C-alpha atoms as a PDB file:
ATOM      1  CA  MET A   1      90.581 -20.896  15.678  1.00  0.00           C
ATOM      2  CA  LEU A   2      87.826 -23.263  15.149  1.00  0.00           C
ATOM      3  CA  TYR A   3      85.442 -22.150  17.886  1.00  0.00           C
ATOM      4  CA  PHE A   4      85.461 -19.828  21.218  1.00  0.00           C
ATOM      5  CA  TYR A   5      85.269 -20.819  24.310  1.00  0.00           C
ATOM      6  CA  LYS A   6      82.656 -20.388  26.816  1.00  0.00           C
ATOM      7  CA  SER A   7      84.059 -18.262  29.684  1.00  0.00           C
ATOM      8  CA  ILE A   8      83.359 -19.534  33.460  1.00  0.00           C
ATOM      9  CA  SER A   9      83.969 -16.354  35.463  1.00  0.00           C
ATOM     10  CA  PRO A  10      83.849 -15.801  38.253  1.00  0.00           C
ATOM     11  CA  HIS A  11      85.450 -18.805  39.422  1.00  0.00           C
ATOM     12  CA  PRO A  12      87.355 -19.006  42.757  1.00  0.00           C
ATOM     13  CA  ILE A  13      90.871 -19.934  41.260  1.00  0.00           C
ATOM     14  CA  GLU A  14      90.266 -15.981  39.813  1.00  0.00           C
ATOM     15  CA  ASN A  15      90.414 -15.158  43.971  1.00  0.00           C
ATOM     16  CA  LEU A  16      94.507 -14.314  43.515  1.00  0.00           C
ATOM     17  CA  HIS A  17      94.585 -12.399  40.740  1.00  0.00           C
ATOM     18  CA  ASN A  18      91.968 -10.338  42.188  1.00  0.00           C
ATOM     19  CA  TYR A  19      93.504  -9.952  45.677  1.00  0.00           C
ATOM     20  CA  LEU A  20      96.645  -8.766  43.902  1.00  0.00           C
ATOM     21  CA  ASP A  21      94.232  -6.485  41.831  1.00  0.00           C
ATOM     22  CA  PHE A  22      93.118  -4.954  44.879  1.00  0.00           C
ATOM     23  CA  PHE A  23      96.943  -4.469  46.019  1.00  0.00           C
ATOM     24  CA  PHE A  24      98.063  -2.723  42.614  1.00  0.00           C
ATOM     25  CA  THR A  25      95.323  -0.602  42.178  1.00  0.00           C
ATOM     26  CA  ARG A  26      95.745   1.004  45.868  1.00  0.00           C
ATOM     27  CA  MET A  27      99.278   1.070  45.238  1.00  0.00           C
ATOM     28  CA  PHE A  28      98.557   3.112  42.294  1.00  0.00           C
ATOM     29  CA  ASP A  29      96.534   5.906  43.420  1.00  0.00           C
ATOM     30  CA  ASP A  30      99.662   7.181  45.087  1.00  0.00           C
ATOM     31  CA  THR A  31      98.604   8.202  48.293  1.00  0.00           C
ATOM     32  CA  GLN A  32     101.108   5.681  50.321  1.00  0.00           C
ATOM     33  CA  THR A  33     104.464   6.126  51.205  1.00  0.00           C
ATOM     34  CA  VAL A  34     104.984   3.077  53.378  1.00  0.00           C
ATOM     35  CA  TYR A  35     104.022  -0.229  52.968  1.00  0.00           C
ATOM     36  CA  SER A  36     100.422  -0.538  54.674  1.00  0.00           C
ATOM     37  CA  HIS A  37      98.436  -3.643  55.331  1.00  0.00           C
ATOM     38  CA  ALA A  38      95.395  -1.777  56.473  1.00  0.00           C
ATOM     39  CA  TYR A  39      95.211   0.127  53.328  1.00  0.00           C
ATOM     40  CA  LEU A  40      96.764  -2.009  50.616  1.00  0.00           C
ATOM     41  CA  ILE A  41      95.802  -5.969  51.541  1.00  0.00           C
ATOM     42  CA  HIS A  42      92.430  -7.086  50.444  1.00  0.00           C
ATOM     43  CA  PRO A  43      90.792  -8.443  53.854  1.00  0.00           C
ATOM     44  CA  ASN A  44      90.598 -12.082  52.422  1.00  0.00           C
ATOM     45  CA  PHE A  45      94.227 -11.959  51.256  1.00  0.00           C
ATOM     46  CA  GLN A  46      95.521 -11.292  54.925  1.00  0.00           C
ATOM     47  CA  GLY A  47      95.510 -14.887  56.101  1.00  0.00           C
ATOM     48  CA  ILE A  48      97.606 -15.697  52.689  1.00  0.00           C
ATOM     49  CA  ILE A  49     100.316 -13.248  53.057  1.00  0.00           C
ATOM     50  CA  ASP A  50     100.512 -14.182  56.863  1.00  0.00           C
ATOM     51  CA  THR A  51     100.875 -17.415  56.255  1.00  0.00           C
ATOM     52  CA  TYR A  52     103.727 -16.623  53.424  1.00  0.00           C
ATOM     53  CA  LYS A  53     105.436 -13.763  54.716  1.00  0.00           C
ATOM     54  CA  GLU A  54     108.773 -14.274  52.682  1.00  0.00           C
ATOM     55  CA  GLN A  55     107.052 -15.880  49.511  1.00  0.00           C
ATOM     56  CA  ILE A  56     103.918 -13.024  49.157  1.00  0.00           C
ATOM     57  CA  ASP A  57     104.227 -10.579  51.999  1.00  0.00           C
ATOM     58  CA  GLU A  58     108.067  -9.367  51.457  1.00  0.00           C
ATOM     59  CA  ARG A  59     107.960  -9.682  47.853  1.00  0.00           C
ATOM     60  CA  LEU A  60     104.878  -7.222  47.546  1.00  0.00           C
ATOM     61  CA  LYS A  61     106.720  -4.918  49.964  1.00  0.00           C
ATOM     62  CA  ALA A  62     110.024  -4.803  47.855  1.00  0.00           C
ATOM     63  CA  LEU A  63     107.874  -4.459  44.884  1.00  0.00           C
ATOM     64  CA  PHE A  64     105.752  -1.626  46.550  1.00  0.00           C
ATOM     65  CA  ASN A  65     108.894   0.049  47.726  1.00  0.00           C
ATOM     66  CA  ALA A  66     110.542  -0.040  44.362  1.00  0.00           C
ATOM     67  CA  TYR A  67     107.518   1.707  42.631  1.00  0.00           C
ATOM     68  CA  ILE A  68     107.316   4.083  45.510  1.00  0.00           C
ATOM     69  CA  GLY A  69     111.113   4.722  44.675  1.00  0.00           C
ATOM     70  CA  LEU A  70     110.833   5.381  40.776  1.00  0.00           C
ATOM     71  CA  ALA A  71     112.427   8.968  39.766  1.00  0.00           C
ATOM     72  CA  THR A  72     109.590  10.128  37.770  1.00  0.00           C
ATOM     73  CA  PRO A  73     106.294  10.349  37.495  1.00  0.00           C
ATOM     74  CA  GLN A  74     106.412   9.240  33.917  1.00  0.00           C
ATOM     75  CA  GLU A  75     108.279   6.113  35.204  1.00  0.00           C
ATOM     76  CA  LYS A  76     105.276   5.427  37.521  1.00  0.00           C
ATOM     77  CA  GLN A  77     102.830   5.359  34.658  1.00  0.00           C
ATOM     78  CA  ILE A  78     104.808   3.134  32.494  1.00  0.00           C
ATOM     79  CA  VAL A  79     104.341   0.483  35.176  1.00  0.00           C
ATOM     80  CA  LYS A  80     100.425   1.495  35.674  1.00  0.00           C
ATOM     81  CA  ASP A  81      99.959   1.292  31.950  1.00  0.00           C
ATOM     82  CA  ALA A  82     101.694  -2.495  31.722  1.00  0.00           C
ATOM     83  CA  TYR A  83      99.386  -3.476  34.603  1.00  0.00           C
ATOM     84  CA  PHE A  84      96.297  -2.015  33.116  1.00  0.00           C
ATOM     85  CA  ILE A  85      96.663  -2.747  29.499  1.00  0.00           C
ATOM     86  CA  ASN A  86      98.688  -6.040  29.663  1.00  0.00           C
ATOM     87  CA  ASN A  87      95.664  -7.367  31.498  1.00  0.00           C
ATOM     88  CA  ASP A  88      92.985  -6.178  29.264  1.00  0.00           C
ATOM     89  CA  ILE A  89      93.088  -9.064  26.851  1.00  0.00           C
ATOM     90  CA  VAL A  90      90.448  -7.959  24.545  1.00  0.00           C
ATOM     91  CA  SER A  91      91.571  -4.645  23.722  1.00  0.00           C
ATOM     92  CA  LEU A  92      94.928  -6.508  23.076  1.00  0.00           C
ATOM     93  CA  SER A  93      93.516  -9.273  20.742  1.00  0.00           C
ATOM     94  CA  ASP A  94      91.925  -6.266  18.881  1.00  0.00           C
ATOM     95  CA  ALA A  95      95.100  -4.232  18.757  1.00  0.00           C
ATOM     96  CA  THR A  96      93.116  -1.201  20.109  1.00  0.00           C
ATOM     97  CA  ASN A  97      95.975  -1.409  22.868  1.00  0.00           C
ATOM     98  CA  THR A  98      99.496  -2.002  22.627  1.00  0.00           C
ATOM     99  CA  PRO A  99     101.069  -4.114  25.510  1.00  0.00           C
ATOM    100  CA  ILE A 100     103.928  -3.078  27.395  1.00  0.00           C
ATOM    101  CA  LYS A 101     107.037  -5.752  27.688  1.00  0.00           C
ATOM    102  CA  TYR A 102     109.469  -6.517  30.382  1.00  0.00           C
ATOM    103  CA  SER A 103     111.996  -4.523  28.427  1.00  0.00           C
ATOM    104  CA  GLN A 104     109.961  -1.296  28.568  1.00  0.00           C
ATOM    105  CA  LEU A 105     109.940  -1.173  32.517  1.00  0.00           C
ATOM    106  CA  PRO A 106     112.001   0.985  34.556  1.00  0.00           C
ATOM    107  CA  ALA A 107     115.005  -1.062  35.630  1.00  0.00           C
ATOM    108  CA  GLY A 108     114.262  -0.258  39.230  1.00  0.00           C
ATOM    109  CA  ILE A 109     110.969  -2.433  39.524  1.00  0.00           C
ATOM    110  CA  SER A 110     110.976  -4.687  36.395  1.00  0.00           C
ATOM    111  CA  THR A 111     113.171  -7.422  38.260  1.00  0.00           C
ATOM    112  CA  GLN A 112     110.791  -7.280  41.631  1.00  0.00           C
ATOM    113  CA  ILE A 113     107.560  -7.577  39.242  1.00  0.00           C
ATOM    114  CA  LYS A 114     109.209 -11.064  37.549  1.00  0.00           C
ATOM    115  CA  SER A 115     110.673 -12.300  40.145  1.00  0.00           C
ATOM    116  CA  PHE A 116     107.254 -12.501  42.093  1.00  0.00           C
ATOM    117  CA  TYR A 117     104.946 -13.214  39.321  1.00  0.00           C
ATOM    118  CA  ASP A 118     107.227 -16.092  38.118  1.00  0.00           C
ATOM    119  CA  GLU A 119     106.475 -17.798  41.587  1.00  0.00           C
ATOM    120  CA  LEU A 120     102.637 -17.456  41.244  1.00  0.00           C
ATOM    121  CA  TRP A 121     101.725 -19.392  38.470  1.00  0.00           C
ATOM    122  CA  GLY A 122     101.782 -23.560  38.799  1.00  0.00           C
ATOM    123  CA  ASP A 123     100.749 -26.210  41.159  1.00  0.00           C
ATOM    124  CA  SER A 124     104.087 -26.110  43.134  1.00  0.00           C
ATOM    125  CA  LYS A 125     103.984 -22.450  43.296  1.00  0.00           C
ATOM    126  CA  ILE A 126     102.097 -19.652  44.929  1.00  0.00           C
ATOM    127  CA  LEU A 127      98.907 -20.642  43.404  1.00  0.00           C
ATOM    128  CA  GLY A 128      99.211 -24.214  44.686  1.00  0.00           C
ATOM    129  CA  TYR A 129     100.232 -23.684  48.297  1.00  0.00           C
ATOM    130  CA  ALA A 130      97.756 -24.945  50.676  1.00  0.00           C
ATOM    131  CA  THR A 131      96.302 -21.928  52.065  1.00  0.00           C
ATOM    132  CA  VAL A 132      96.059 -20.385  48.683  1.00  0.00           C
ATOM    133  CA  VAL A 133      93.977 -23.522  47.464  1.00  0.00           C
ATOM    134  CA  ASN A 134      91.693 -23.277  50.580  1.00  0.00           C
ATOM    135  CA  SER A 135      90.891 -19.628  49.087  1.00  0.00           C
ATOM    136  CA  CYS A 136      90.974 -20.096  45.360  1.00  0.00           C
ATOM    137  CA  GLY A 137      90.529 -23.805  44.741  1.00  0.00           C
ATOM    138  CA  THR A 138      92.928 -25.361  41.870  1.00  0.00           C
ATOM    139  CA  VAL A 139      93.562 -25.625  38.838  1.00  0.00           C
ATOM    140  CA  LYS A 140      92.330 -29.070  38.170  1.00  0.00           C
ATOM    141  CA  GLN A 141      88.843 -27.874  39.735  1.00  0.00           C
ATOM    142  CA  HIS A 142      88.776 -25.004  37.584  1.00  0.00           C
ATOM    143  CA  PHE A 143      89.663 -27.175  34.484  1.00  0.00           C
ATOM    144  CA  ASN A 144      86.892 -29.779  35.436  1.00  0.00           C
ATOM    145  CA  ARG A 145      83.983 -27.177  35.810  1.00  0.00           C
ATOM    146  CA  PHE A 146      85.679 -25.687  32.674  1.00  0.00           C
ATOM    147  CA  ARG A 147      85.302 -28.789  30.573  1.00  0.00           C
ATOM    148  CA  GLU A 148      81.713 -29.300  31.836  1.00  0.00           C
ATOM    149  CA  VAL A 149      80.736 -25.922  30.235  1.00  0.00           C
ATOM    150  CA  ASN A 150      82.710 -26.418  27.182  1.00  0.00           C
ATOM    151  CA  GLU A 151      82.047 -29.525  25.614  1.00  0.00           C
ATOM    152  CA  PHE A 152      83.412 -29.805  22.297  1.00  0.00           C
ATOM    153  CA  LEU A 153      85.594 -32.321  22.253  1.00  0.00           C
ATOM    154  CA  VAL A 154      88.482 -31.094  20.037  1.00  0.00           C
ATOM    155  CA  CYS A 155      90.920 -28.550  20.696  1.00  0.00           C
ATOM    156  CA  PRO A 156      89.727 -25.085  19.178  1.00  0.00           C
ATOM    157  CA  PHE A 157      93.174 -24.049  18.344  1.00  0.00           C
ATOM    158  CA  CYS A 158      94.091 -27.157  16.002  1.00  0.00           C
ATOM    159  CA  GLY A 159      91.021 -29.599  15.602  1.00  0.00           C
ATOM    160  CA  LEU A 160      93.551 -32.311  15.379  1.00  0.00           C
ATOM    161  CA  GLU A 161      93.680 -33.608  19.094  1.00  0.00           C
ATOM    162  CA  SER A 162      91.068 -34.308  21.942  1.00  0.00           C
ATOM    163  CA  LEU A 163      90.774 -32.227  24.726  1.00  0.00           C
ATOM    164  CA  LEU A 164      90.918 -34.213  28.121  1.00  0.00           C
ATOM    165  CA  CYS A 165      87.468 -34.155  30.039  1.00  0.00           C
ATOM    166  CA  GLU A 166      86.408 -33.556  33.940  1.00  0.00           C
ATOM    167  CA  HIS A 167      86.457 -36.851  34.624  1.00  0.00           C
ATOM    168  CA  ASP A 168      89.941 -37.773  33.502  1.00  0.00           C
ATOM    169  CA  ASP A 169      92.767 -37.751  35.948  1.00  0.00           C
ATOM    170  CA  GLY A 170      95.174 -35.034  34.696  1.00  0.00           C
ATOM    171  CA  ARG A 171      93.917 -32.021  32.515  1.00  0.00           C
ATOM    172  CA  ASP A 172      95.192 -30.478  29.340  1.00  0.00           C
ATOM    173  CA  ASP A 173      97.781 -27.647  29.508  1.00  0.00           C
ATOM    174  CA  TYR A 174      97.003 -24.220  30.468  1.00  0.00           C
ATOM    175  CA  ASP A 175      98.265 -21.684  27.796  1.00  0.00           C
ATOM    176  CA  HIS A 176      99.566 -18.072  28.957  1.00  0.00           C
ATOM    177  CA  TYR A 177      98.061 -16.823  25.692  1.00  0.00           C
ATOM    178  CA  LEU A 178     100.186 -13.659  26.136  1.00  0.00           C
ATOM    179  CA  LEU A 179     103.654 -15.170  26.845  1.00  0.00           C
ATOM    180  CA  LYS A 180     104.354 -14.533  30.709  1.00  0.00           C
ATOM    181  CA  SER A 181     107.818 -14.655  30.010  1.00  0.00           C
ATOM    182  CA  GLN A 182     107.525 -11.205  27.970  1.00  0.00           C
ATOM    183  CA  TYR A 183     104.257  -9.077  29.431  1.00  0.00           C
ATOM    184  CA  PRO A 184     104.458  -8.489  32.711  1.00  0.00           C
ATOM    185  CA  PHE A 185     101.502  -8.571  35.499  1.00  0.00           C
ATOM    186  CA  ILE A 186      99.215 -11.602  33.367  1.00  0.00           C
ATOM    187  CA  SER A 187     100.830 -15.004  34.675  1.00  0.00           C
ATOM    188  CA  ILE A 188      97.454 -15.743  36.753  1.00  0.00           C
ATOM    189  CA  ASN A 189      94.709 -13.833  34.949  1.00  0.00           C
ATOM    190  CA  PHE A 190      92.731 -16.646  33.597  1.00  0.00           C
ATOM    191  CA  ASN A 191      91.429 -14.240  30.486  1.00  0.00           C
ATOM    192  CA  ASN A 192      94.880 -14.983  29.561  1.00  0.00           C
ATOM    193  CA  LEU A 193      94.690 -18.774  30.528  1.00  0.00           C
ATOM    194  CA  PHE A 194      93.125 -21.258  27.879  1.00  0.00           C
ATOM    195  CA  PRO A 195      93.367 -25.033  28.016  1.00  0.00           C
ATOM    196  CA  MET A 196      94.933 -26.238  24.816  1.00  0.00           C
ATOM    197  CA  CYS A 197      96.426 -29.840  23.476  1.00  0.00           C
ATOM    198  CA  HIS A 198      99.872 -30.535  23.916  1.00  0.00           C
ATOM    199  CA  ARG A 199     100.834 -30.023  20.619  1.00  0.00           C
ATOM    200  CA  CYS A 200      99.682 -26.801  20.088  1.00  0.00           C
ATOM    201  CA  ASN A 201     100.937 -25.678  23.679  1.00  0.00           C
ATOM    202  CA  SER A 202     104.584 -27.064  23.478  1.00  0.00           C
ATOM    203  CA  LYS A 203     105.035 -28.215  20.108  1.00  0.00           C
ATOM    204  CA  ASN A 204     103.683 -25.256  18.033  1.00  0.00           C
ATOM    205  CA  LYS A 205     102.629 -22.431  19.870  1.00  0.00           C
ATOM    206  CA  ASN A 206     105.330 -22.682  22.532  1.00  0.00           C
ATOM    207  CA  GLN A 207     106.916 -19.301  23.006  1.00  0.00           C
ATOM    208  CA  LYS A 208     105.510 -17.528  19.707  1.00  0.00           C
ATOM    209  CA  ASP A 209     104.212 -13.979  20.375  1.00  0.00           C
ATOM    210  CA  LEU A 210     100.490 -13.463  19.456  1.00  0.00           C
ATOM    211  CA  VAL A 211     101.244  -9.697  19.260  1.00  0.00           C
ATOM    212  CA  TYR A 212     104.301  -9.627  17.269  1.00  0.00           C
ATOM    213  CA  GLU A 213     105.231 -11.927  14.287  1.00  0.00           C
ATOM    214  CA  ASN A 214     108.871 -10.633  14.756  1.00  0.00           C
ATOM    215  CA  VAL A 215     110.747  -7.749  16.321  1.00  0.00           C
ATOM    216  CA  ALA A 216     110.560  -5.704  13.018  1.00  0.00           C
ATOM    217  CA  ALA A 217     107.096  -6.611  12.538  1.00  0.00           C
ATOM    218  CA  PRO A 218     103.676  -4.218  13.327  1.00  0.00           C
ATOM    219  CA  GLN A 219     101.509  -5.072  15.868  1.00  0.00           C
ATOM    220  CA  ARG A 220      98.892  -7.846  14.837  1.00  0.00           C
ATOM    221  CA  ARG A 221      95.083  -8.783  15.697  1.00  0.00           C
ATOM    222  CA  PHE A 222      94.627 -12.297  17.029  1.00  0.00           C
ATOM    223  CA  TYR A 223      91.733 -14.416  17.955  1.00  0.00           C
ATOM    224  CA  TYR A 224      90.315 -13.661  21.653  1.00  0.00           C
ATOM    225  CA  PRO A 225      89.392 -17.381  22.591  1.00  0.00           C
ATOM    226  CA  TYR A 226      86.744 -15.960  24.869  1.00  0.00           C
ATOM    227  CA  SER A 227      84.865 -14.305  21.820  1.00  0.00           C
ATOM    228  CA  LYS A 228      80.958 -14.135  21.622  1.00  0.00           C
ATOM    229  CA  GLU A 229      81.105 -13.700  17.601  1.00  0.00           C
ATOM    230  CA  ALA A 230      78.700 -16.262  16.459  1.00  0.00           C
ATOM    231  CA  ASN A 231      79.354 -15.615  12.597  1.00  0.00           C
ATOM    232  CA  HIS A 232      82.464 -17.346  12.397  1.00  0.00           C
ATOM    233  CA  GLU A 233      83.340 -20.420  10.790  1.00  0.00           C
ATOM    234  CA  ILE A 234      86.942 -21.659   9.399  1.00  0.00           C
ATOM    235  CA  ASN A 235      86.886 -23.769   6.076  1.00  0.00           C
ATOM    236  CA  LEU A 236      89.404 -25.805   4.046  1.00  0.00           C
ATOM    237  CA  ASN A 237      89.607 -26.296   0.683  1.00  0.00           C
ATOM    238  CA  ILE A 238      91.849 -28.510  -1.018  1.00  0.00           C
ATOM    239  CA  VAL A 239      93.422 -27.396  -4.382  1.00  0.00           C
ATOM    240  CA  SER A 240      95.066 -30.220  -6.138  1.00  0.00           C
ATOM    241  CA  PRO A 241      95.607 -31.050 -10.230  1.00  0.00           C
ATOM    242  CA  ASN A 242      94.619 -34.498  -9.321  1.00  0.00           C
ATOM    243  CA  ASN A 243      93.694 -37.042  -6.683  1.00  0.00           C
ATOM    244  CA  ASP A 244      96.722 -37.802  -5.229  1.00  0.00           C
ATOM    245  CA  LEU A 245      97.614 -35.945  -2.045  1.00  0.00           C
ATOM    246  CA  LYS A 246     100.211 -38.226  -0.800  1.00  0.00           C
ATOM    247  CA  ASP A 247     103.464 -35.375  -1.590  1.00  0.00           C
ATOM    248  CA  PRO A 248     102.067 -32.028   0.443  1.00  0.00           C
ATOM    249  CA  THR A 249     104.552 -30.150  -2.102  1.00  0.00           C
ATOM    250  CA  GLN A 250     102.409 -31.012  -4.812  1.00  0.00           C
ATOM    251  CA  TRP A 251      98.791 -29.412  -3.671  1.00  0.00           C
ATOM    252  CA  GLN A 252      97.477 -26.578  -1.688  1.00  0.00           C
ATOM    253  CA  LEU A 253      95.281 -26.029   1.158  1.00  0.00           C
ATOM    254  CA  GLU A 254      93.499 -22.992   1.158  1.00  0.00           C
ATOM    255  CA  VAL A 255      92.488 -21.980   5.198  1.00  0.00           C
ATOM    256  CA  ASN A 256      89.322 -19.399   4.981  1.00  0.00           C
ATOM    257  CA  THR A 257      87.036 -17.948   7.365  1.00  0.00           C
ATOM    258  CA  THR A 258      83.583 -17.085   6.795  1.00  0.00           C
ATOM    259  CA  ASN A 259      83.692 -13.710   8.736  1.00  0.00           C
ATOM    260  CA  LEU A 260      86.233 -11.341   6.644  1.00  0.00           C
ATOM    261  CA  ALA A 261      86.270  -9.124   9.987  1.00  0.00           C
ATOM    262  CA  TYR A 262      88.577 -12.049  11.298  1.00  0.00           C
ATOM    263  CA  GLU A 263      90.928 -12.254   8.052  1.00  0.00           C
ATOM    264  CA  ASP A 264      93.739 -11.120   9.759  1.00  0.00           C
ATOM    265  CA  CYS A 265      93.314 -12.923  13.056  1.00  0.00           C
ATOM    266  CA  LYS A 266      93.171 -15.993  10.957  1.00  0.00           C
ATOM    267  CA  GLU A 267      96.388 -15.280   9.485  1.00  0.00           C
ATOM    268  CA  THR A 268      98.133 -14.767  13.185  1.00  0.00           C
ATOM    269  CA  TRP A 269      96.082 -18.079  14.019  1.00  0.00           C
ATOM    270  CA  LYS A 270      97.767 -19.824  11.166  1.00  0.00           C
ATOM    271  CA  ASP A 271     101.446 -18.756  11.742  1.00  0.00           C
ATOM    272  CA  VAL A 272     101.170 -19.253  15.377  1.00  0.00           C
ATOM    273  CA  PHE A 273     100.272 -22.614  15.561  1.00  0.00           C
ATOM    274  CA  ASN A 274     101.649 -23.787  12.495  1.00  0.00           C
ATOM    275  CA  ILE A 275      98.159 -24.849  10.805  1.00  0.00           C
ATOM    276  CA  GLU A 276      98.706 -25.030   7.607  1.00  0.00           C
ATOM    277  CA  THR A 277     102.020 -27.338   7.419  1.00  0.00           C
ATOM    278  CA  ARG A 278     100.078 -29.662  10.071  1.00  0.00           C
ATOM    279  CA  TYR A 279      97.009 -29.957   8.189  1.00  0.00           C
ATOM    280  CA  LYS A 280      99.144 -30.644   4.986  1.00  0.00           C
ATOM    281  CA  ALA A 281     100.652 -32.876   6.560  1.00  0.00           C
ATOM    282  CA  THR A 282      98.104 -35.026   8.128  1.00  0.00           C
ATOM    283  CA  ILE A 283      95.886 -34.763   4.864  1.00  0.00           C
ATOM    284  CA  SER A 284      99.008 -36.316   3.202  1.00  0.00           C
ATOM    285  CA  LYS A 285      99.678 -39.075   5.591  1.00  0.00           C
ATOM    286  CA  HIS A 286      96.237 -40.416   5.692  1.00  0.00           C
ATOM    287  CA  SER A 287      94.699 -39.640   2.275  1.00  0.00           C
ATOM    288  CA  LYS A 288      95.269 -43.214   1.358  1.00  0.00           C
ATOM    289  CA  PHE A 289      93.032 -44.612   4.212  1.00  0.00           C
ATOM    290  CA  TRP A 290      90.268 -41.923   3.748  1.00  0.00           C
ATOM    291  CA  LYS A 291      89.974 -42.705   0.103  1.00  0.00           C
ATOM    292  CA  GLU A 292      89.919 -46.281   0.871  1.00  0.00           C
ATOM    293  CA  ARG A 293      86.865 -45.548   3.539  1.00  0.00           C
ATOM    294  CA  ILE A 294      84.855 -43.670   0.922  1.00  0.00           C
ATOM    295  CA  PHE A 295      85.460 -46.209  -1.778  1.00  0.00           C
ATOM    296  CA  SER A 296      84.193 -49.000   0.944  1.00  0.00           C
ATOM    297  CA  LYS A 297      81.215 -46.742   1.917  1.00  0.00           C
ATOM    298  CA  HIS A 298      80.263 -46.406  -2.095  1.00  0.00           C
ATOM    299  CA  HIS A 299      80.700 -50.084  -2.134  1.00  0.00           C
ATOM    300  CA  ASN A 300      78.203 -50.718   0.742  1.00  0.00           C
ATOM    301  CA  ILE A 301      75.571 -48.129   0.052  1.00  0.00           C
ATOM    302  CA  CYS A 302      75.156 -48.345  -3.885  1.00  0.00           C
ATOM    303  CA  LYS A 303      76.450 -51.899  -4.833  1.00  0.00           C
ATOM    304  CA  LYS A 304      75.590 -53.913  -1.783  1.00  0.00           C
ATOM    305  CA  ASN A 305      72.464 -52.221  -0.856  1.00  0.00           C
ATOM    306  CA  GLY A 306      71.552 -51.035  -4.463  1.00  0.00           C
ATOM    307  CA  ARG A 307      70.951 -47.165  -3.283  1.00  0.00           C
ATOM    308  CA  SER A 308      71.594 -44.328  -5.406  1.00  0.00           C
ATOM    309  CA  TYR A 309      74.967 -42.438  -5.978  1.00  0.00           C
ATOM    310  CA  ALA A 310      72.920 -39.395  -4.802  1.00  0.00           C
ATOM    311  CA  GLU A 311      72.211 -40.980  -1.510  1.00  0.00           C
ATOM    312  CA  PHE A 312      75.564 -41.844  -1.029  1.00  0.00           C
ATOM    313  CA  GLU A 313      77.204 -38.224  -1.729  1.00  0.00           C
ATOM    314  CA  GLU A 314      74.645 -36.948   0.515  1.00  0.00           C
ATOM    315  CA  ASP A 315      75.614 -39.353   3.156  1.00  0.00           C
ATOM    316  CA  ILE A 316      79.486 -38.953   2.678  1.00  0.00           C
ATOM    317  CA  LEU A 317      78.772 -35.447   2.835  1.00  0.00           C
ATOM    318  CA  ASP A 318      76.932 -35.426   6.250  1.00  0.00           C
ATOM    319  CA  ASP A 319      79.872 -37.530   8.078  1.00  0.00           C
ATOM    320  CA  PHE A 320      81.694 -35.132   9.181  1.00  0.00           C
ATOM    321  CA  ASN A 321      79.242 -32.228  10.066  1.00  0.00           C
ATOM    322  CA  ASP A 322      80.225 -32.883  13.462  1.00  0.00           C
ATOM    323  CA  TYR A 323      83.803 -32.325  13.053  1.00  0.00           C
ATOM    324  CA  LEU A 324      83.990 -30.213  16.567  1.00  0.00           C
ATOM    325  CA  ASN A 325      83.609 -33.623  18.258  1.00  0.00           C
ATOM    326  CA  ILE A 326      85.903 -35.580  16.303  1.00  0.00           C
ATOM    327  CA  SER A 327      89.764 -35.894  16.000  1.00  0.00           C
ATOM    328  CA  ASN A 328      91.130 -34.687  12.696  1.00  0.00           C
ATOM    329  CA  GLY A 329      87.274 -33.692  11.806  1.00  0.00           C
ATOM    330  CA  ILE A 330      87.649 -31.090  10.069  1.00  0.00           C
ATOM    331  CA  LEU A 331      90.357 -32.276   8.034  1.00  0.00           C
ATOM    332  CA  MET A 332      88.507 -35.118   6.877  1.00  0.00           C
ATOM    333  CA  LYS A 333      85.203 -33.118   6.113  1.00  0.00           C
ATOM    334  CA  SER A 334      87.564 -31.023   3.849  1.00  0.00           C
ATOM    335  CA  PHE A 335      89.052 -34.223   2.270  1.00  0.00           C
ATOM    336  CA  ASN A 336      85.459 -35.945   1.603  1.00  0.00           C
ATOM    337  CA  ASP A 337      84.288 -32.208  -0.100  1.00  0.00           C
ATOM    338  CA  PHE A 338      87.682 -32.350  -1.898  1.00  0.00           C
ATOM    339  CA  VAL A 339      86.641 -36.365  -3.526  1.00  0.00           C
ATOM    340  CA  ILE A 340      83.124 -35.738  -4.260  1.00  0.00           C
ATOM    341  CA  ASN A 341      83.365 -32.591  -5.811  1.00  0.00           C
ATOM    342  CA  ASP A 342      85.618 -34.147  -8.259  1.00  0.00           C
ATOM    343  CA  PRO A 343      83.292 -34.392 -11.590  1.00  0.00           C
ATOM    344  CA  ASN A 344      84.729 -37.924 -12.255  1.00  0.00           C
ATOM    345  CA  CYS A 345      84.260 -38.972  -8.581  1.00  0.00           C
ATOM    346  CA  GLN A 346      81.724 -41.343  -9.707  1.00  0.00           C
ATOM    347  CA  ALA A 347      83.034 -42.919 -12.460  1.00  0.00           C
ATOM    348  CA  ASN A 348      86.212 -43.292 -10.566  1.00  0.00           C
ATOM    349  CA  LEU A 349      84.139 -45.068  -7.876  1.00  0.00           C
ATOM    350  CA  THR A 350      82.729 -47.562 -10.069  1.00  0.00           C
ATOM    351  CA  GLY A 351      85.979 -48.984 -10.940  1.00  0.00           C
ATOM    352  CA  ILE A 352      89.013 -49.892  -9.283  1.00  0.00           C
ATOM    353  CA  LEU A 353      90.380 -47.441  -6.952  1.00  0.00           C
ATOM    354  CA  ILE A 354      93.827 -46.455  -7.409  1.00  0.00           C
ATOM    355  CA  VAL A 355      95.747 -44.454  -4.138  1.00  0.00           C
END
């Protein structure tokens, strides 16, 4: 990805996940054989479950009874491991832990967990219920604060689209980075929920699994969007036998990272977000207009204002240094580099532009 987000944790929206963490941690200590509010329910959660007996309290009771009713300690351990491992997104991103899927859970409890967690995420589901909102706030409130802290304008997962800001009426989609449809216990963990442009979330990542490319593939590493790694940058290099990029099948795009420790994460990112195809398609579509812009700028700087070619070259290469705040900025930067680094660039610009 192009840059890493800054976390705004702790935030009130995390309260519901924390209340459930209290419940599961106490359930997993295996000291209780009867569902007990006094032991299992966080005091600040009590008013919520009293208000939503059927939607929350009865579901937690069914889930507790299903756990207690598991046949062996080994089955209980699988459920415990699924909870603690799946919620440790950092260890999953660097592949030091292996996540557990719904299909791996004991049949006696998998259905209860999925049914409950499916009802948690969404403005019209439990996270959006009035009493829950009073305790946790709304996703929109979280988004507003998130965008105040994370000021770059483009989506870090593609750089092609702008993110909405805290002043917009709406908000960008929150992507379940690890799929909530496959991995239990993570649907309201905000270490697994990240604002993402619509094209990345719905059109490209969609239901792709970060962890496994396919059912037969080994586990892979992936970028953790809250990484604090500073020595990381994505660079693009257009490789073409000529300046005509209209046909994306006739040239190559190298996608490189400055930090080789992230090389495999970069490859996962490229696959999940369809990066190479999207980037090449955009460059091919816009290359004619980007060439015309460079030609026009050369005319204004060198021919009209009498400045040197070196001044023009410095000016054009500086145009998109701020590419994290410009939609398609990383592509336009790479295109400028490609044109200017052509040994014949100066000669081409002083003649008639052919596109």
